[in-house]
Protein backbone atom coordinates (compact mmCIF):
# COMPACT_ATOMS: atom_id res chain seq x y z
CA MET A 1 7.63 -40.65 -7.15
CA THR A 2 8.40 -37.39 -9.02
CA ARG A 3 9.62 -34.18 -7.28
CA ARG A 4 6.53 -32.62 -7.62
CA HIS A 5 4.34 -35.27 -5.64
CA TYR A 6 6.41 -35.21 -2.33
CA ALA A 7 7.67 -32.18 -0.26
CA ARG A 8 9.96 -32.57 2.05
CA ILE A 9 11.26 -30.12 4.82
CA ILE A 10 14.85 -29.10 3.93
CA LEU A 11 15.48 -26.74 6.41
CA ALA A 12 13.51 -25.57 9.69
CA LEU A 13 15.14 -22.63 12.17
CA VAL A 14 13.53 -22.01 15.11
CA LEU A 15 13.88 -18.80 17.42
CA LEU A 16 13.27 -20.34 20.58
CA VAL A 17 12.35 -17.02 22.68
CA GLY A 18 8.95 -17.37 24.05
CA CYS A 19 7.94 -19.43 21.35
CA LEU A 20 6.06 -21.90 23.62
CA THR A 21 2.73 -19.85 23.30
CA VAL A 22 -0.66 -21.41 23.00
CA MET A 23 -2.23 -19.66 19.46
CA PRO A 24 -5.39 -17.50 20.69
CA VAL A 25 -8.65 -18.49 18.50
CA GLY A 26 -9.92 -15.89 16.26
CA ALA A 27 -7.96 -14.82 13.20
CA MET A 28 -7.86 -12.32 10.61
CA SER A 29 -6.07 -12.33 7.20
CA TYR A 30 -5.37 -9.86 4.47
CA ALA A 31 -3.18 -9.64 1.52
CA ILE A 32 -0.36 -7.47 -0.05
CA VAL A 33 -0.13 -7.21 -4.10
CA LYS A 34 3.73 -6.79 -5.05
CA LEU A 35 3.77 -5.42 -8.88
CA PRO A 36 7.40 -5.15 -10.17
CA ASP A 37 8.61 -3.44 -13.55
CA ASN A 38 5.27 -2.79 -15.44
CA GLN A 39 7.39 0.13 -17.53
CA TYR A 40 6.29 -1.69 -21.16
CA LEU A 41 2.73 -1.71 -19.94
CA ALA A 42 2.84 2.14 -19.55
CA SER A 43 4.84 2.54 -22.43
CA THR A 44 3.18 0.14 -25.11
CA TYR A 45 -0.01 -1.85 -23.73
CA PRO A 46 -1.86 0.37 -21.75
CA ASP A 47 -4.99 -1.65 -21.64
CA LEU A 48 -2.99 -4.66 -20.48
CA GLU A 49 -1.83 -2.09 -17.45
CA ASN A 50 -5.69 -1.11 -17.29
CA TYR A 51 -6.34 -5.04 -17.09
CA THR A 52 -4.08 -5.76 -14.61
CA TYR A 53 -4.87 -3.31 -11.73
CA SER A 54 -8.69 -4.19 -12.65
CA TYR A 55 -7.92 -7.88 -12.19
CA ILE A 56 -6.17 -7.05 -8.78
CA GLN A 57 -9.39 -4.87 -7.93
CA SER A 58 -11.44 -8.04 -9.03
CA ILE A 59 -9.91 -10.23 -6.33
CA LYS A 60 -10.02 -7.84 -3.38
CA PRO A 61 -12.82 -9.14 -1.64
CA THR A 62 -11.41 -12.78 -2.19
CA TYR A 63 -7.85 -12.41 -0.82
CA ASN A 64 -9.07 -8.95 1.35
CA ILE A 65 -6.20 -6.63 -0.47
CA SER A 66 -5.42 -3.76 1.17
CA LEU A 67 -1.97 -2.61 -0.05
CA ILE A 68 -0.01 -2.58 -3.37
CA ILE A 69 3.74 -2.39 -3.20
CA ASN A 70 5.61 -1.56 -6.78
CA THR A 71 9.08 -2.08 -6.69
CA GLY A 72 10.08 0.38 -9.40
CA ASP A 73 10.26 0.69 -13.19
CA ILE A 74 6.76 2.23 -13.24
CA VAL A 75 7.59 3.73 -16.49
CA ASP A 76 10.32 2.97 -19.46
CA ASN A 77 10.84 6.53 -20.29
CA PRO A 78 10.39 9.03 -17.46
CA ASN A 79 10.73 12.10 -20.04
CA GLN A 80 7.57 10.61 -21.49
CA ALA A 81 4.40 12.23 -19.98
CA TYR A 82 1.98 9.86 -21.88
CA GLN A 83 3.60 7.07 -19.72
CA TRP A 84 3.27 8.08 -16.77
CA GLN A 85 -0.56 9.19 -17.43
CA ASN A 86 -1.02 5.61 -18.78
CA TRP A 87 0.09 4.48 -15.17
CA LYS A 88 -2.03 6.76 -13.53
CA ASN A 89 -5.50 5.88 -15.69
CA ALA A 90 -4.73 2.11 -14.67
CA ARG A 91 -4.47 2.98 -11.53
CA THR A 92 -8.08 4.31 -11.54
CA TYR A 93 -9.21 0.64 -11.95
CA THR A 94 -8.47 -0.04 -8.51
CA THR A 95 -9.44 1.14 -4.82
CA ILE A 96 -6.23 -0.22 -3.37
CA PRO A 97 -3.40 2.33 -2.09
CA GLU A 98 0.16 1.80 -3.42
CA LEU A 99 3.27 2.13 -1.96
CA ASP A 100 6.22 2.96 -4.76
CA VAL A 101 10.36 2.80 -4.83
CA ALA A 102 11.74 4.32 -8.13
CA GLY A 103 13.45 2.09 -10.39
CA ASN A 104 16.09 2.63 -13.08
CA HIS A 105 13.79 3.38 -15.84
CA ASP A 106 11.98 6.07 -13.29
CA LEU A 107 14.39 8.26 -13.34
CA VAL A 108 15.43 11.01 -15.96
CA ASP A 109 19.23 10.53 -15.86
CA TYR A 110 18.89 7.11 -17.03
CA TYR A 111 18.13 8.42 -20.39
CA GLU A 112 20.14 11.76 -20.35
CA GLY A 113 22.90 10.51 -18.90
CA ASN A 114 23.36 13.39 -15.64
CA GLY A 115 26.17 12.08 -13.17
CA LEU A 116 23.34 12.06 -10.40
CA PRO A 117 19.73 10.78 -10.01
CA ASN A 118 16.99 13.19 -11.11
CA TYR A 119 13.94 12.12 -9.42
CA THR A 120 11.59 15.01 -10.43
CA ASN A 121 9.39 13.49 -12.55
CA PHE A 122 8.97 10.18 -10.42
CA SER A 123 8.11 12.33 -7.64
CA VAL A 124 5.65 14.78 -8.95
CA ASN A 125 3.94 11.30 -10.71
CA THR A 126 3.93 9.26 -7.52
CA ALA A 127 3.16 12.37 -5.35
CA ALA A 128 -0.50 10.90 -4.61
CA THR A 129 0.45 7.41 -3.58
CA LEU A 130 1.07 6.49 0.10
CA SER A 131 4.67 6.99 -0.34
CA GLY A 132 4.15 10.64 -1.43
CA GLY A 133 6.63 11.16 -4.31
CA ALA A 134 9.60 10.47 -1.64
CA ILE A 135 12.63 8.60 -2.55
CA ASN A 136 13.49 6.93 0.62
CA TRP A 137 10.58 6.98 3.13
CA THR A 138 9.52 4.66 5.98
CA TYR A 139 5.78 3.95 6.16
CA VAL A 140 4.15 1.64 9.02
CA TYR A 141 1.25 -0.18 7.45
CA GLN A 142 -1.15 -2.75 9.66
CA ASN A 143 1.79 -5.51 10.85
CA PHE A 144 4.80 -3.96 9.02
CA VAL A 145 6.76 -0.97 9.07
CA PHE A 146 8.15 -0.59 5.07
CA LEU A 147 11.66 1.07 3.88
CA GLY A 148 11.48 2.29 0.23
CA ILE A 149 14.69 2.77 -1.40
CA GLY A 150 14.72 4.72 -4.35
CA TRP A 151 17.29 3.61 -6.76
CA SER A 152 21.12 5.11 -6.78
CA ASN A 153 22.42 4.96 -9.72
CA GLY A 154 25.78 5.19 -8.69
CA ALA A 155 25.23 8.08 -6.33
CA THR A 156 27.19 8.62 -3.50
CA THR A 157 25.62 9.32 0.02
CA SER A 158 27.40 10.30 3.46
CA ALA A 159 26.19 6.46 4.62
CA CYS A 160 27.05 4.37 2.10
CA PRO A 161 28.49 4.55 -1.84
CA ASN A 162 26.20 3.44 -4.61
CA SER A 163 22.99 3.67 -1.88
CA THR A 164 20.43 6.39 -1.46
CA LEU A 165 20.11 5.89 1.91
CA ASP A 166 21.43 8.19 4.38
CA ALA A 167 22.16 8.38 8.22
CA ALA A 168 18.68 10.11 8.51
CA ASP A 169 17.08 7.39 6.42
CA VAL A 170 18.36 4.70 8.68
CA THR A 171 17.51 6.59 11.78
CA ALA A 172 14.32 7.30 10.78
CA PHE A 173 13.29 3.27 9.95
CA ASN A 174 15.04 2.22 13.16
CA THR A 175 13.13 4.27 15.28
CA ALA A 176 9.55 3.28 13.42
CA GLN A 177 11.17 -0.30 14.28
CA ALA A 178 12.18 0.35 18.13
CA SER A 179 8.51 1.91 18.44
CA ASN A 180 6.64 -1.33 17.94
CA PRO A 181 8.43 -4.73 18.64
CA THR A 182 5.68 -6.46 17.07
CA LEU A 183 5.85 -5.20 13.72
CA ILE A 184 7.62 -6.93 10.69
CA PRO A 185 10.43 -4.98 9.06
CA TRP A 186 9.72 -4.88 5.18
CA PHE A 187 12.37 -3.55 2.67
CA LEU A 188 11.42 -2.53 -1.01
CA VAL A 189 13.97 -1.78 -3.35
CA HIS A 190 14.03 -1.82 -7.00
CA TRP A 191 17.57 -3.71 -7.94
CA TYR A 192 18.59 -6.07 -5.20
CA MET A 193 19.03 -9.84 -5.89
CA GLU A 194 20.37 -11.78 -8.82
CA PRO A 195 18.88 -14.89 -10.34
CA GLY A 196 21.19 -17.03 -8.71
CA GLY A 197 20.95 -15.37 -5.45
CA SER A 198 24.02 -12.90 -5.30
CA TYR A 199 23.73 -9.69 -4.31
CA SER A 200 23.49 -6.52 -6.88
CA ASN A 201 24.34 -4.14 -4.64
CA ALA A 202 26.91 -5.12 -2.10
CA TYR A 203 27.11 -1.81 -0.29
CA LEU A 204 23.28 -1.43 0.10
CA ASP A 205 23.32 -5.50 0.89
CA GLN A 206 25.94 -4.55 3.92
CA GLN A 207 24.05 -1.30 4.92
CA ILE A 208 20.95 -3.32 5.62
CA GLN A 209 22.43 -5.84 6.84
CA GLN A 210 24.66 -4.04 9.69
CA THR A 211 22.51 -1.45 10.84
CA MET A 212 18.91 -2.18 10.01
CA ILE A 213 18.14 -5.99 10.36
CA LEU A 214 16.95 -6.13 14.17
CA ARG A 215 14.43 -9.00 13.56
CA PRO A 216 12.81 -10.99 11.06
CA SER A 217 12.52 -9.20 7.83
CA LEU A 218 11.58 -9.27 4.34
CA ILE A 219 13.19 -7.50 1.60
CA SER A 220 11.11 -7.47 -1.97
CA SER A 221 12.87 -6.20 -5.13
CA GLY A 222 12.68 -6.74 -9.02
CA HIS A 223 14.49 -5.35 -11.89
CA VAL A 224 15.71 -8.79 -13.21
CA GLY A 225 13.70 -10.03 -16.09
CA ASN A 226 11.85 -13.24 -16.11
CA THR A 227 12.85 -13.95 -12.52
CA ASP A 228 10.68 -15.43 -9.58
CA ARG A 229 12.95 -16.38 -6.90
CA THR A 230 12.80 -16.21 -3.03
CA GLN A 231 15.58 -17.64 -0.43
CA ASN A 232 15.96 -17.69 3.05
CA THR A 233 19.38 -15.90 4.79
CA ILE A 234 20.51 -15.88 8.17
CA TRP A 235 21.90 -12.29 9.54
CA ASN A 236 22.94 -11.21 12.74
CA ASN A 237 21.57 -14.80 13.46
CA THR A 238 17.88 -13.59 12.16
CA PRO A 239 15.88 -14.81 9.34
CA VAL A 240 15.45 -13.02 6.20
CA VAL A 241 13.77 -13.69 3.47
CA GLU A 242 14.50 -12.42 0.41
CA SER A 243 12.46 -12.18 -3.06
CA VAL A 244 13.22 -11.22 -6.59
CA TYR A 245 10.20 -10.75 -8.92
CA ASN A 246 9.80 -9.51 -12.32
CA GLN A 247 7.33 -11.07 -14.49
CA GLN A 248 8.66 -9.08 -17.75
CA LEU A 249 9.76 -11.48 -20.30
CA ASN A 250 12.96 -10.34 -22.61
CA GLY A 251 11.13 -11.48 -25.63
CA THR A 252 9.22 -9.98 -28.69
CA PRO A 253 6.67 -8.21 -28.24
CA GLN A 254 8.95 -7.07 -25.58
CA GLY A 255 6.99 -6.73 -22.04
CA ASN A 256 3.28 -8.23 -23.31
CA TYR A 257 3.14 -9.94 -20.04
CA SER A 258 1.50 -9.34 -16.91
CA GLY A 259 1.40 -11.28 -13.37
CA PHE A 260 1.95 -10.40 -9.47
CA GLN A 261 2.82 -11.83 -6.22
CA LEU A 262 0.14 -12.23 -3.42
CA TRP A 263 1.46 -12.03 -0.24
CA GLN A 264 -1.36 -13.21 2.35
CA VAL A 265 -1.06 -12.28 5.94
CA THR A 266 -2.84 -14.07 9.01
CA VAL A 267 -3.16 -12.45 12.52
CA VAL A 268 -3.97 -13.93 15.44
CA GLY A 269 -3.83 -11.27 18.76
CA GLY A 270 -3.05 -8.95 17.23
CA GLY A 271 0.30 -10.62 15.82
CA VAL A 272 1.49 -11.94 12.29
CA THR A 273 1.36 -15.79 12.62
CA THR A 274 1.58 -16.86 8.93
CA ILE A 275 2.85 -14.85 5.58
CA ASN A 276 2.38 -17.23 2.89
CA GLU A 277 3.20 -16.06 -0.90
CA THR A 278 1.24 -16.76 -4.50
CA THR A 279 2.21 -15.90 -7.88
CA PHE A 280 -0.64 -15.25 -9.89
CA GLN A 281 0.35 -14.90 -14.21
CA ILE A 282 -2.76 -13.08 -15.70
CA TYR A 283 -1.58 -12.57 -19.23
CA PRO A 284 -0.84 -14.11 -21.67
CA THR A 285 -2.28 -17.01 -19.86
CA ASN A 286 -3.97 -17.21 -16.61
CA VAL A 287 -2.17 -19.19 -14.18
CA THR A 288 -2.20 -19.10 -9.96
CA TRP A 289 1.17 -20.83 -8.84
CA PRO A 290 0.53 -23.09 -5.82
CA THR A 291 0.33 -21.04 -2.55
CA VAL A 292 3.34 -20.78 -0.24
CA THR A 293 5.46 -21.49 -3.49
CA TYR A 294 7.50 -19.77 -6.06
CA TYR A 295 9.35 -20.90 -9.35
CA THR A 296 12.79 -19.77 -10.65
CA GLY A 297 12.02 -19.21 -14.75
CA GLY A 298 9.60 -21.51 -14.85
CA GLY A 299 9.75 -24.89 -17.44
CA ASP A 300 11.60 -27.76 -15.42
CA SER A 301 12.80 -25.26 -12.49
CA THR A 302 13.01 -26.53 -9.27
CA ILE A 303 10.05 -25.13 -7.00
CA PHE A 304 10.70 -23.92 -3.77
CA GLY A 305 8.36 -22.40 -1.27
CA ILE A 306 8.71 -20.54 1.56
CA LEU A 307 6.43 -20.12 4.78
CA ILE A 308 6.72 -17.96 8.10
CA GLU A 309 5.27 -18.97 11.19
CA CYS A 310 5.27 -15.98 13.95
CA HIS A 311 3.86 -16.10 16.96
CA PRO A 312 2.14 -12.99 18.55
CA LYS A 313 5.34 -12.81 21.00
CA PRO A 314 8.01 -10.70 19.21
CA ASP A 315 11.14 -12.37 18.07
CA CYS A 316 9.35 -15.73 17.87
CA CYS A 317 9.47 -17.18 14.35
CA ILE A 318 9.71 -20.10 12.79
CA LEU A 319 10.90 -19.75 9.27
CA TRP A 320 10.31 -23.41 7.04
CA TYR A 321 12.12 -23.68 3.94
CA ILE A 322 10.25 -26.67 1.63
CA SER A 323 11.28 -28.06 -1.63
CA ASP A 324 9.84 -30.52 -3.84
CA GLU A 325 12.92 -31.61 -5.45
């Protein structure tokens, strides 16, 4: 029997607070698409970027896709207006709203070498999206409270070195969390985790862990090429699912590749009961990886899967970590 034939549960964590609940009948579901690091599509392959957004639009009715989240590197060179325009043109191929955070390639100083980040071009060009061109933002959407965290590029703030978050950002997010204990926190940051699971920005990691993990949460990032890794962590006795996904390859021609994550959310009685993730590769080949699974670099890599099951009552989640190894 090979590892691909049988899955075995290697870890199950149950938070017991109020979990003895009979699930009500009747459920609805919707999906959120996570797009990462499409800078080479904007700079070199605009037709492929158009196709990416049109493909997502074509499966919108099937999965009830209601939101796109983009963890940055929208363009390769932020000083090139045509790249921003290519992305804006691609956005017209879908009616699905989008939340955006700034990646390093979206900042002018990444090319000019200035000491502090210059977000002007990013802010101007993303102003029409749900995040409104802001660098850091809190946004409540259906069953989630999102925190978008812009690329810091070594900036120092009063709250934390090498993080763009300041005390006001933390307060705004925690206030939104406290306003509705059924909301699931979802952090969006460009560079957060390496392929092996180590943290790219220890300061930001500590800031999130120490001040903002109040209940089971998700963290999504990109930046690291050819990576699709999701892992569970326990912070403050609370399960946190960390996902880094960037479909861009470091090959020739660089970036002639497209894919996305599809996060499917099931809601019963107003509360989230399951969150599943499926990885779609749509170019150069069309492959849909098994639902509730992910792969680390493809090939012979071990396939893992994560399923979060949450009862409608707050702070009651079961985190299943599955391996077919």
